[in-house]
Structures are given as C-alpha cells and as structure tokens.
Amino acid sequence: MNIVETILVYALIPGAIYGVVALVTLRSKFAGTPRYRPGQPWEYAPMWWSGNPDGIGAHRQVTSGQTAGTAAGGARGSW
C-alpha cells in the first residue's frame, strides 16, 4: 500500500463519515422553526395544562382566612 492509499483509507474516508454525521445532526438546527427567546413577545393564547385533565376542578382553593394546616393535598397526596 502506498502513501496515497494510506491517507485515503485512514484520513479521508473517516473524515467524510464524520462530515456526513455532522451535517445530519446540524440539519434540524438550521431547518427548524425559530425558538422563543426571553424578552420576545409571546404570540400564542394562554393554555392550561394538566397531567390529569379529569382532575382539574377536583382540588379546593385555600382562602385568605384559612391557615396552611387546613389546606388539602401535600406530600402524601391526600387531596
């Protein structure tokens, strides 16, 4: 094997493989939609998200007259 074949096998082919992988991973970054950045105006309507949509109205609110000990819920999950 001469020096040209050695450089081709051990340098150019692996370099081409790394280049293809780099282009594939960066493709989504350049082709994606622009992201929200702090300080930009939010152009979407507010939306309430819950992991349990059936239980959205199931909790009770703590009013200003109640103490923290009478609120439902907590670490035990006794809602």
Protein backbone atom coordinates (compact mmCIF):
# COMPACT_ATOMS: atom_id res chain seq x y z
CA MET A 1 0.00 0.00 0.00
CA ASN A 2 1.47 3.36 -0.96
CA ILE A 3 1.18 6.65 0.94
CA VAL A 4 -1.80 7.93 -1.10
CA GLU A 5 -3.85 4.81 -0.36
CA THR A 6 -2.92 5.01 3.33
CA ILE A 7 -4.04 8.64 3.61
CA LEU A 8 -7.25 7.83 1.74
CA VAL A 9 -8.14 4.90 3.98
CA TYR A 10 -7.10 6.34 7.34
CA ALA A 11 -7.87 10.07 6.91
CA LEU A 12 -10.25 10.96 4.09
CA ILE A 13 -12.81 8.17 4.48
CA PRO A 14 -13.23 8.62 8.27
CA GLY A 15 -13.25 12.40 7.77
CA ALA A 16 -16.04 12.07 5.20
CA ILE A 17 -18.05 9.88 7.59
CA TYR A 18 -17.66 12.44 10.41
CA GLY A 19 -18.66 15.21 7.99
CA VAL A 20 -21.84 13.40 6.93
CA VAL A 21 -22.81 12.73 10.56
CA ALA A 22 -22.16 16.39 11.45
CA LEU A 23 -24.34 17.61 8.58
CA VAL A 24 -27.17 15.24 9.53
CA THR A 25 -27.15 16.38 13.16
CA LEU A 26 -26.95 20.10 12.33
CA ARG A 27 -29.63 19.91 9.64
CA SER A 28 -32.50 20.14 12.15
CA LYS A 29 -30.92 23.17 13.81
CA PHE A 30 -30.78 25.16 10.59
CA ALA A 31 -34.11 23.97 9.16
CA GLY A 32 -36.17 24.24 12.36
CA THR A 33 -38.66 26.92 13.31
CA PRO A 34 -37.36 29.87 15.30
CA ARG A 35 -37.42 29.34 19.06
CA TYR A 36 -38.86 31.62 21.72
CA ARG A 37 -36.21 33.71 23.47
CA PRO A 38 -36.71 35.63 26.72
CA GLY A 39 -37.81 39.18 26.07
CA GLN A 40 -39.69 38.40 22.87
CA PRO A 41 -43.45 38.88 22.85
CA TRP A 42 -45.50 35.71 23.31
CA GLU A 43 -47.86 35.42 20.33
CA TYR A 44 -49.97 32.46 21.46
CA ALA A 45 -53.11 32.22 23.56
CA PRO A 46 -52.64 31.02 27.16
CA MET A 47 -53.43 27.36 27.72
CA TRP A 48 -53.93 25.47 30.97
CA TRP A 49 -52.01 22.20 31.04
CA SER A 50 -52.61 19.39 33.45
CA GLY A 51 -51.18 15.89 33.60
CA ASN A 52 -54.61 14.72 34.77
CA PRO A 53 -57.33 16.55 32.76
CA ASP A 54 -60.11 14.73 34.65
CA GLY A 55 -58.95 16.17 37.98
CA ILE A 56 -58.66 19.83 37.01
CA GLY A 57 -61.62 21.00 39.08
CA ALA A 58 -61.21 18.42 41.86
CA HIS A 59 -58.99 20.45 44.23
CA ARG A 60 -60.18 23.15 46.57
CA GLN A 61 -58.73 26.63 46.86
CA VAL A 62 -57.29 27.96 50.12
CA THR A 63 -58.84 31.31 51.01
CA SER A 64 -57.05 34.00 52.96
CA GLY A 65 -58.98 33.15 56.16
CA GLN A 66 -57.73 29.57 56.28
CA THR A 67 -54.43 28.53 57.78
CA ALA A 68 -51.90 26.44 55.93
CA GLY A 69 -52.76 23.38 58.06
CA THR A 70 -56.32 23.14 56.72
CA ALA A 71 -55.38 23.03 53.04
CA ALA A 72 -55.92 19.76 51.21
CA GLY A 73 -53.10 17.96 49.48
CA GLY A 74 -49.46 17.84 50.38
CA ALA A 75 -46.66 15.32 50.07
CA ARG A 76 -48.95 12.38 50.86
CA GLY A 77 -51.36 13.25 48.07
CA SER A 78 -54.43 13.16 50.30
CA TRP A 79 -56.44 15.54 48.19
